[in-house]
PDB file of N, CA and C in Angstrom:
ATOM      1  N   UNK A   1      -3.065   1.675  -7.055  1.00  0.00           N
ATOM      2  CA  UNK A   1      -2.861   0.588  -8.060  1.00  0.00           C
ATOM      3  C   UNK A   1      -1.245   0.369  -8.076  1.00  0.00           C
ATOM      4  N   UNK A   2      -1.190  -0.917  -8.131  1.00  0.00           N
ATOM      5  CA  UNK A   2       0.470  -1.438  -8.357  1.00  0.00           C
ATOM      6  C   UNK A   2       0.552  -2.344  -9.230  1.00  0.00           C
ATOM      7  N   UNK A   3       1.763  -2.999  -9.490  1.00  0.00           N
ATOM      8  CA  UNK A   3       2.145  -4.069 -10.378  1.00  0.00           C
ATOM      9  C   UNK A   3       2.494  -5.214  -9.558  1.00  0.00           C
ATOM     10  N   UNK A   4       2.021  -6.205  -9.987  1.00  0.00           N
ATOM     11  CA  UNK A   4       2.456  -7.623  -9.181  1.00  0.00           C
ATOM     12  C   UNK A   4       3.866  -7.842  -9.480  1.00  0.00           C
ATOM     13  N   UNK A   5       4.692  -8.359  -8.480  1.00  0.00           N
ATOM     14  CA  UNK A   5       6.019  -8.600  -8.350  1.00  0.00           C
ATOM     15  C   UNK A   5       6.319  -9.420  -9.795  1.00  0.00           C
ATOM     16  N   UNK A   6       7.605  -9.163 -10.194  1.00  0.00           N
ATOM     17  CA  UNK A   6       8.219  -9.634 -11.653  1.00  0.00           C
ATOM     18  C   UNK A   6       8.603 -11.039 -11.094  1.00  0.00           C
ATOM     19  N   UNK A   7       9.038 -11.433  -9.938  1.00  0.00           N
ATOM     20  CA  UNK A   7       9.329 -12.692  -9.626  1.00  0.00           C
ATOM     21  C   UNK A   7       8.832 -13.076  -8.350  1.00  0.00           C
ATOM     22  N   UNK A   8       8.121 -14.321  -8.085  1.00  0.00           N
ATOM     23  CA  UNK A   8       7.322 -14.842  -7.131  1.00  0.00           C
ATOM     24  C   UNK A   8       7.953 -16.064  -6.370  1.00  0.00           C
ATOM     25  N   UNK A   9       9.219 -16.544  -6.824  1.00  0.00           N
ATOM     26  CA  UNK A   9       9.845 -17.420  -6.324  1.00  0.00           C
ATOM     27  C   UNK A   9       9.174 -18.892  -6.595  1.00  0.00           C
ATOM     28  N   UNK A  10       8.457 -18.883  -7.618  1.00  0.00           N
ATOM     29  CA  UNK A  10       7.959 -20.205  -8.018  1.00  0.00           C
ATOM     30  C   UNK A  10       6.450 -20.419  -7.148  1.00  0.00           C
ATOM     31  N   UNK A  11       5.973 -19.487  -6.525  1.00  0.00           N
ATOM     32  CA  UNK A  11       4.784 -19.641  -5.726  1.00  0.00           C
ATOM     33  C   UNK A  11       3.728 -18.543  -6.031  1.00  0.00           C
ATOM     34  N   UNK A  12       2.552 -18.825  -6.445  1.00  0.00           N
ATOM     35  CA  UNK A  12       1.966 -17.638  -6.498  1.00  0.00           C
ATOM     36  C   UNK A  12       1.435 -16.738  -5.602  1.00  0.00           C
ATOM     37  N   UNK A  13       1.156 -15.354  -5.759  1.00  0.00           N
ATOM     38  CA  UNK A  13       0.776 -14.496  -4.934  1.00  0.00           C
ATOM     39  C   UNK A  13      -0.476 -14.804  -4.188  1.00  0.00           C
ATOM     40  N   UNK A  14      -0.597 -14.705  -2.922  1.00  0.00           N
ATOM     41  CA  UNK A  14      -1.855 -15.100  -2.209  1.00  0.00           C
ATOM     42  C   UNK A  14      -2.799 -13.625  -2.213  1.00  0.00           C
ATOM     43  N   UNK A  15      -1.858 -12.687  -1.383  1.00  0.00           N
ATOM     44  CA  UNK A  15      -2.578 -11.442  -1.210  1.00  0.00           C
ATOM     45  C   UNK A  15      -1.538 -10.398  -1.097  1.00  0.00           C
ATOM     46  N   UNK A  16      -1.872  -9.029  -0.833  1.00  0.00           N
ATOM     47  CA  UNK A  16      -0.956  -8.003  -0.689  1.00  0.00           C
ATOM     48  C   UNK A  16      -1.181  -7.343   0.536  1.00  0.00           C
ATOM     49  N   UNK A  17      -0.195  -6.893   1.421  1.00  0.00           N
ATOM     50  CA  UNK A  17      -0.478  -6.201   2.503  1.00  0.00           C
ATOM     51  C   UNK A  17      -0.216  -4.770   2.347  1.00  0.00           C
ATOM     52  N   UNK A  18      -1.142  -3.942   2.679  1.00  0.00           N
ATOM     53  CA  UNK A  18      -1.057  -2.536   2.542  1.00  0.00           C
ATOM     54  C   UNK A  18      -0.638  -1.763   3.659  1.00  0.00           C
ATOM     55  N   UNK A  19       0.469  -1.030   3.735  1.00  0.00           N
ATOM     56  CA  UNK A  19       0.960  -0.456   5.021  1.00  0.00           C
ATOM     57  C   UNK A  19       0.676   0.975   4.795  1.00  0.00           C
ATOM     58  N   UNK A  20       0.278   1.899   5.678  1.00  0.00           N
ATOM     59  CA  UNK A  20       0.192   3.220   5.544  1.00  0.00           C
ATOM     60  C   UNK A  20       0.584   4.073   6.694  1.00  0.00           C
ATOM     61  N   UNK A  21       0.803   5.238   6.475  1.00  0.00           N
ATOM     62  CA  UNK A  21       1.136   6.385   7.560  1.00  0.00           C
ATOM     63  C   UNK A  21       0.482   7.547   6.994  1.00  0.00           C
ATOM     64  N   UNK A  22      -0.038   8.343   8.216  1.00  0.00           N
ATOM     65  CA  UNK A  22      -0.673   9.729   7.905  1.00  0.00           C
ATOM     66  C   UNK A  22       0.186  10.734   8.607  1.00  0.00           C
ATOM     67  N   UNK A  23       0.784  11.900   7.687  1.00  0.00           N
ATOM     68  CA  UNK A  23       1.525  12.733   8.208  1.00  0.00           C
ATOM     69  C   UNK A  23       2.624  12.209   8.816  1.00  0.00           C
ATOM     70  N   UNK A  24       3.289  12.510  10.041  1.00  0.00           N
ATOM     71  CA  UNK A  24       4.407  12.116  10.580  1.00  0.00           C
ATOM     72  C   UNK A  24       4.280  10.715  11.350  1.00  0.00           C
ATOM     73  N   UNK A  25       3.145  10.138  11.589  1.00  0.00           N
ATOM     74  CA  UNK A  25       2.918   8.916  12.125  1.00  0.00           C
ATOM     75  C   UNK A  25       3.630   7.935  11.502  1.00  0.00           C
ATOM     76  N   UNK A  26       3.825   6.708  12.561  1.00  0.00           N
ATOM     77  CA  UNK A  26       4.393   5.387  12.474  1.00  0.00           C
ATOM     78  C   UNK A  26       3.502   4.629  11.212  1.00  0.00           C
ATOM     79  N   UNK A  27       4.266   3.781  10.487  1.00  0.00           N
ATOM     80  CA  UNK A  27       3.471   3.056   9.528  1.00  0.00           C
ATOM     81  C   UNK A  27       2.742   1.995  10.387  1.00  0.00           C
ATOM     82  N   UNK A  28       1.353   1.575   9.772  1.00  0.00           N
ATOM     83  CA  UNK A  28       0.558   0.542  10.515  1.00  0.00           C
ATOM     84  C   UNK A  28      -0.042  -0.163   9.333  1.00  0.00           C
ATOM     85  N   UNK A  29      -0.246  -1.597   9.647  1.00  0.00           N
ATOM     86  CA  UNK A  29      -0.926  -2.350   8.499  1.00  0.00           C
ATOM     87  C   UNK A  29      -2.185  -1.808   8.375  1.00  0.00           C
ATOM     88  N   UNK A  30      -2.690  -1.618   7.170  1.00  0.00           N
ATOM     89  CA  UNK A  30      -3.931  -1.174   6.990  1.00  0.00           C
ATOM     90  C   UNK A  30      -4.982  -2.452   6.678  1.00  0.00           C
ATOM     91  N   UNK A  31      -4.754  -3.276   5.515  1.00  0.00           N
ATOM     92  CA  UNK A  31      -5.521  -4.334   5.313  1.00  0.00           C
ATOM     93  C   UNK A  31      -4.687  -5.257   4.328  1.00  0.00           C
ATOM     94  N   UNK A  32      -5.242  -6.267   4.061  1.00  0.00           N
ATOM     95  CA  UNK A  32      -4.664  -7.238   3.033  1.00  0.00           C
ATOM     96  C   UNK A  32      -5.852  -7.313   1.724  1.00  0.00           C
ATOM     97  N   UNK A  33      -5.230  -7.228   0.675  1.00  0.00           N
ATOM     98  CA  UNK A  33      -6.113  -7.405  -0.484  1.00  0.00           C
ATOM     99  C   UNK A  33      -5.642  -8.450  -1.541  1.00  0.00           C
ATOM    100  N   UNK A  34      -6.632  -9.077  -2.363  1.00  0.00           N
ATOM    101  CA  UNK A  34      -6.124  -9.770  -3.373  1.00  0.00           C
ATOM    102  C   UNK A  34      -6.018  -9.181  -4.760  1.00  0.00           C
ATOM    103  N   UNK A  35      -6.474  -8.019  -5.045  1.00  0.00           N
ATOM    104  CA  UNK A  35      -6.439  -7.287  -6.232  1.00  0.00           C
ATOM    105  C   UNK A  35      -5.281  -6.284  -6.191  1.00  0.00           C
ATOM    106  N   UNK A  36      -5.147  -5.699  -7.319  1.00  0.00           N
ATOM    107  CA  UNK A  36      -3.812  -4.887  -7.494  1.00  0.00           C
ATOM    108  C   UNK A  36      -4.154  -3.434  -7.423  1.00  0.00           C
ATOM    109  N   UNK A  37      -5.199  -3.079  -6.338  1.00  0.00           N
ATOM    110  CA  UNK A  37      -5.520  -1.641  -6.204  1.00  0.00           C
ATOM    111  C   UNK A  37      -6.285  -1.477  -4.835  1.00  0.00           C
ATOM    112  N   UNK A  38      -6.289  -0.153  -4.466  1.00  0.00           N
ATOM    113  CA  UNK A  38      -6.954  -0.022  -2.888  1.00  0.00           C
ATOM    114  C   UNK A  38      -7.348   1.619  -2.947  1.00  0.00           C
ATOM    115  N   UNK A  39      -8.567   1.778  -2.512  1.00  0.00           N
ATOM    116  CA  UNK A  39      -8.992   3.082  -2.416  1.00  0.00           C
ATOM    117  C   UNK A  39      -9.203   3.377  -0.953  1.00  0.00           C
ATOM    118  N   UNK A  40      -8.385   4.562  -0.302  1.00  0.00           N
ATOM    119  CA  UNK A  40      -8.651   4.884   1.086  1.00  0.00           C
ATOM    120  C   UNK A  40      -9.710   5.782   0.828  1.00  0.00           C
ATOM    121  N   UNK A  41     -10.795   5.791   1.451  1.00  0.00           N
ATOM    122  CA  UNK A  41     -12.044   6.471   1.338  1.00  0.00           C
ATOM    123  C   UNK A  41     -12.181   7.679   2.423  1.00  0.00           C
ATOM    124  N   UNK A  42     -11.499   7.680   3.446  1.00  0.00           N
ATOM    125  CA  UNK A  42     -11.674   8.522   4.413  1.00  0.00           C
ATOM    126  C   UNK A  42     -10.273   9.486   4.643  1.00  0.00           C
ATOM    127  N   UNK A  43     -10.117  10.339   3.934  1.00  0.00           N
ATOM    128  CA  UNK A  43      -8.842  11.386   4.049  1.00  0.00           C
ATOM    129  C   UNK A  43      -9.168  12.686   4.463  1.00  0.00           C
ATOM    130  N   UNK A  44      -8.258  13.227   5.011  1.00  0.00           N
ATOM    131  CA  UNK A  44      -8.051  14.625   5.575  1.00  0.00           C
ATOM    132  C   UNK A  44      -7.509  15.500   4.683  1.00  0.00           C
ATOM    133  N   UNK A  45      -7.963  16.484   4.246  1.00  0.00           N
ATOM    134  CA  UNK A  45      -7.279  17.558   3.305  1.00  0.00           C
ATOM    135  C   UNK A  45      -6.381  18.206   4.028  1.00  0.00           C
ATOM    136  N   UNK A  46      -5.219  18.266   3.233  1.00  0.00           N
ATOM    137  CA  UNK A  46      -3.779  18.855   3.863  1.00  0.00           C
ATOM    138  C   UNK A  46      -2.970  17.746   4.430  1.00  0.00           C
ATOM    139  N   UNK A  47      -3.486  16.517   4.566  1.00  0.00           N
ATOM    140  CA  UNK A  47      -2.800  15.572   5.215  1.00  0.00           C
ATOM    141  C   UNK A  47      -1.983  14.730   4.153  1.00  0.00           C
ATOM    142  N   UNK A  48      -0.781  14.152   4.470  1.00  0.00           N
ATOM    143  CA  UNK A  48       0.051  13.390   3.725  1.00  0.00           C
ATOM    144  C   UNK A  48       0.067  11.961   4.013  1.00  0.00           C
ATOM    145  N   UNK A  49      -0.370  11.131   2.970  1.00  0.00           N
ATOM    146  CA  UNK A  49      -0.453   9.789   3.317  1.00  0.00           C
ATOM    147  C   UNK A  49       0.537   8.924   2.640  1.00  0.00           C
ATOM    148  N   UNK A  50       1.305   8.053   3.324  1.00  0.00           N
ATOM    149  CA  UNK A  50       2.459   7.278   2.814  1.00  0.00           C
ATOM    150  C   UNK A  50       2.046   5.833   2.685  1.00  0.00           C
ATOM    151  N   UNK A  51       2.304   5.252   1.489  1.00  0.00           N
ATOM    152  CA  UNK A  51       1.867   3.680   1.359  1.00  0.00           C
ATOM    153  C   UNK A  51       2.961   3.107   1.109  1.00  0.00           C
ATOM    154  N   UNK A  52       3.103   1.859   1.682  1.00  0.00           N
ATOM    155  CA  UNK A  52       3.892   0.566   1.020  1.00  0.00           C
ATOM    156  C   UNK A  52       3.248  -0.659   1.044  1.00  0.00           C
ATOM    157  N   UNK A  53       3.840  -1.386  -0.096  1.00  0.00           N
ATOM    158  CA  UNK A  53       2.967  -2.804  -0.347  1.00  0.00           C
ATOM    159  C   UNK A  53       3.999  -3.902  -0.250  1.00  0.00           C
ATOM    160  N   UNK A  54       3.521  -4.937   0.461  1.00  0.00           N
ATOM    161  CA  UNK A  54       4.214  -6.156   0.488  1.00  0.00           C
ATOM    162  C   UNK A  54       3.313  -7.465  -0.083  1.00  0.00           C
ATOM    163  N   UNK A  55       3.891  -8.190  -0.966  1.00  0.00           N
ATOM    164  CA  UNK A  55       3.273  -9.276  -1.496  1.00  0.00           C
ATOM    165  C   UNK A  55       3.371 -10.517  -0.762  1.00  0.00           C
ATOM    166  N   UNK A  56       2.490 -11.519  -0.586  1.00  0.00           N
ATOM    167  CA  UNK A  56       2.654 -12.831   0.358  1.00  0.00           C
ATOM    168  C   UNK A  56       2.373 -13.942  -0.593  1.00  0.00           C
ATOM    169  N   UNK A  57       3.113 -14.973  -0.498  1.00  0.00           N
ATOM    170  CA  UNK A  57       2.921 -16.257  -1.079  1.00  0.00           C
ATOM    171  C   UNK A  57       3.186 -17.397  -0.170  1.00  0.00           C
ATOM    172  N   UNK A  58       3.372 -18.441  -0.597  1.00  0.00           N
ATOM    173  CA  UNK A  58       3.609 -19.595   0.432  1.00  0.00           C
ATOM    174  C   UNK A  58       4.935 -19.588   1.099  1.00  0.00           C
ATOM    175  N   UNK A  59       5.875 -18.637   0.702  1.00  0.00           N
ATOM    176  CA  UNK A  59       7.243 -18.573   1.381  1.00  0.00           C
ATOM    177  C   UNK A  59       6.993 -17.422   2.411  1.00  0.00           C
ATOM    178  N   UNK A  60       5.925 -16.669   2.297  1.00  0.00           N
ATOM    179  CA  UNK A  60       5.807 -15.600   3.286  1.00  0.00           C
ATOM    180  C   UNK A  60       5.749 -14.398   2.672  1.00  0.00           C
ATOM    181  N   UNK A  61       6.174 -12.983   3.360  1.00  0.00           N
ATOM    182  CA  UNK A  61       5.954 -11.871   2.791  1.00  0.00           C
ATOM    183  C   UNK A  61       7.165 -11.338   1.960  1.00  0.00           C
ATOM    184  N   UNK A  62       7.111 -10.496   1.069  1.00  0.00           N
ATOM    185  CA  UNK A  62       8.158  -9.795   0.416  1.00  0.00           C
ATOM    186  C   UNK A  62       8.663  -8.765   1.030  1.00  0.00           C
ATOM    187  N   UNK A  63      10.038  -8.146   0.682  1.00  0.00           N
ATOM    188  CA  UNK A  63      10.191  -6.971   1.061  1.00  0.00           C
ATOM    189  C   UNK A  63       9.298  -5.757   0.739  1.00  0.00           C
ATOM    190  N   UNK A  64       9.459  -4.791   1.526  1.00  0.00           N
ATOM    191  CA  UNK A  64       8.626  -3.757   1.303  1.00  0.00           C
ATOM    192  C   UNK A  64       8.723  -2.873  -0.161  1.00  0.00           C
ATOM    193  N   UNK A  65       7.691  -2.503  -0.787  1.00  0.00           N
ATOM    194  CA  UNK A  65       7.834  -1.701  -2.023  1.00  0.00           C
ATOM    195  C   UNK A  65       8.544  -0.453  -1.629  1.00  0.00           C
ATOM    196  N   UNK A  66       8.704   0.380  -2.697  1.00  0.00           N
ATOM    197  CA  UNK A  66       9.158   1.784  -2.495  1.00  0.00           C
ATOM    198  C   UNK A  66       7.954   2.438  -1.838  1.00  0.00           C
ATOM    199  N   UNK A  67       8.077   3.591  -1.163  1.00  0.00           N
ATOM    200  CA  UNK A  67       7.089   4.289  -0.558  1.00  0.00           C
ATOM    201  C   UNK A  67       6.694   5.291  -1.582  1.00  0.00           C
ATOM    202  N   UNK A  68       5.266   5.411  -1.469  1.00  0.00           N
ATOM    203  CA  UNK A  68       4.445   6.305  -2.360  1.00  0.00           C
ATOM    204  C   UNK A  68       3.972   7.261  -1.393  1.00  0.00           C
ATOM    205  N   UNK A  69       4.080   8.515  -1.771  1.00  0.00           N
ATOM    206  CA  UNK A  69       3.644   9.695  -0.826  1.00  0.00           C
ATOM    207  C   UNK A  69       2.439  10.464  -1.704  1.00  0.00           C
ATOM    208  N   UNK A  70       1.231  10.692  -1.084  1.00  0.00           N
ATOM    209  CA  UNK A  70       0.265  11.329  -1.536  1.00  0.00           C
ATOM    210  C   UNK A  70      -0.320  12.477  -0.680  1.00  0.00           C
ATOM    211  N   UNK A  71      -0.601  13.674  -1.086  1.00  0.00           N
ATOM    212  CA  UNK A  71      -1.081  14.928  -0.397  1.00  0.00           C
ATOM    213  C   UNK A  71      -2.550  14.972  -0.745  1.00  0.00           C
ATOM    214  N   UNK A  72      -3.261  14.800   0.278  1.00  0.00           N
ATOM    215  CA  UNK A  72      -5.052  15.112   0.050  1.00  0.00           C
ATOM    216  C   UNK A  72      -5.083  16.462  -0.004  1.00  0.00           C
ATOM    217  N   UNK A  73      -5.460  16.870  -1.461  1.00  0.00           N
ATOM    218  CA  UNK A  73      -5.604  18.267  -1.568  1.00  0.00           C
ATOM    219  C   UNK A  73      -7.131  18.416  -1.796  1.00  0.00           C
ATOM    220  N   UNK A  74      -7.547  19.819  -1.764  1.00  0.00           N
ATOM    221  CA  UNK A  74      -8.910  20.156  -1.891  1.00  0.00           C
ATOM    222  C   UNK A  74      -8.905  20.828  -3.281  1.00  0.00           C
ATOM    223  N   UNK A  75     -10.053  20.468  -4.097  1.00  0.00           N
ATOM    224  CA  UNK A  75     -10.409  21.272  -5.262  1.00  0.00           C
ATOM    225  C   UNK A  75     -10.404  22.663  -5.134  1.00  0.00           C
ATOM    226  N   UNK A  76      -9.823  23.415  -5.883  1.00  0.00           N
ATOM    227  CA  UNK A  76      -9.951  25.037  -5.895  1.00  0.00           C
ATOM    228  C   UNK A  76     -11.409  25.370  -6.350  1.00  0.00           C
ATOM    229  N   UNK A  77     -11.834  26.457  -5.510  1.00  0.00           N
ATOM    230  CA  UNK A  77     -13.141  26.831  -5.811  1.00  0.00           C
ATOM    231  C   UNK A  77     -13.143  27.756  -6.924  1.00  0.00           C
TER     232      UNK A  77
END
């Protein structure tokens, strides 16, 4: 989940590009969504997932958001 940009240049946001990287791999474009959330459904326990978001409007894409890092952990037994 993320927040909409505070400034859109006078043009409404069309969608958001989600980019991610698993462990030490390079970032790839995952998908575009029109809502302010995304659930990655297939994760590997012990892997680190990094995400960045870019908003798109009629002027093009915004700069990338700050990186968010998530460790896929396993519930303790």
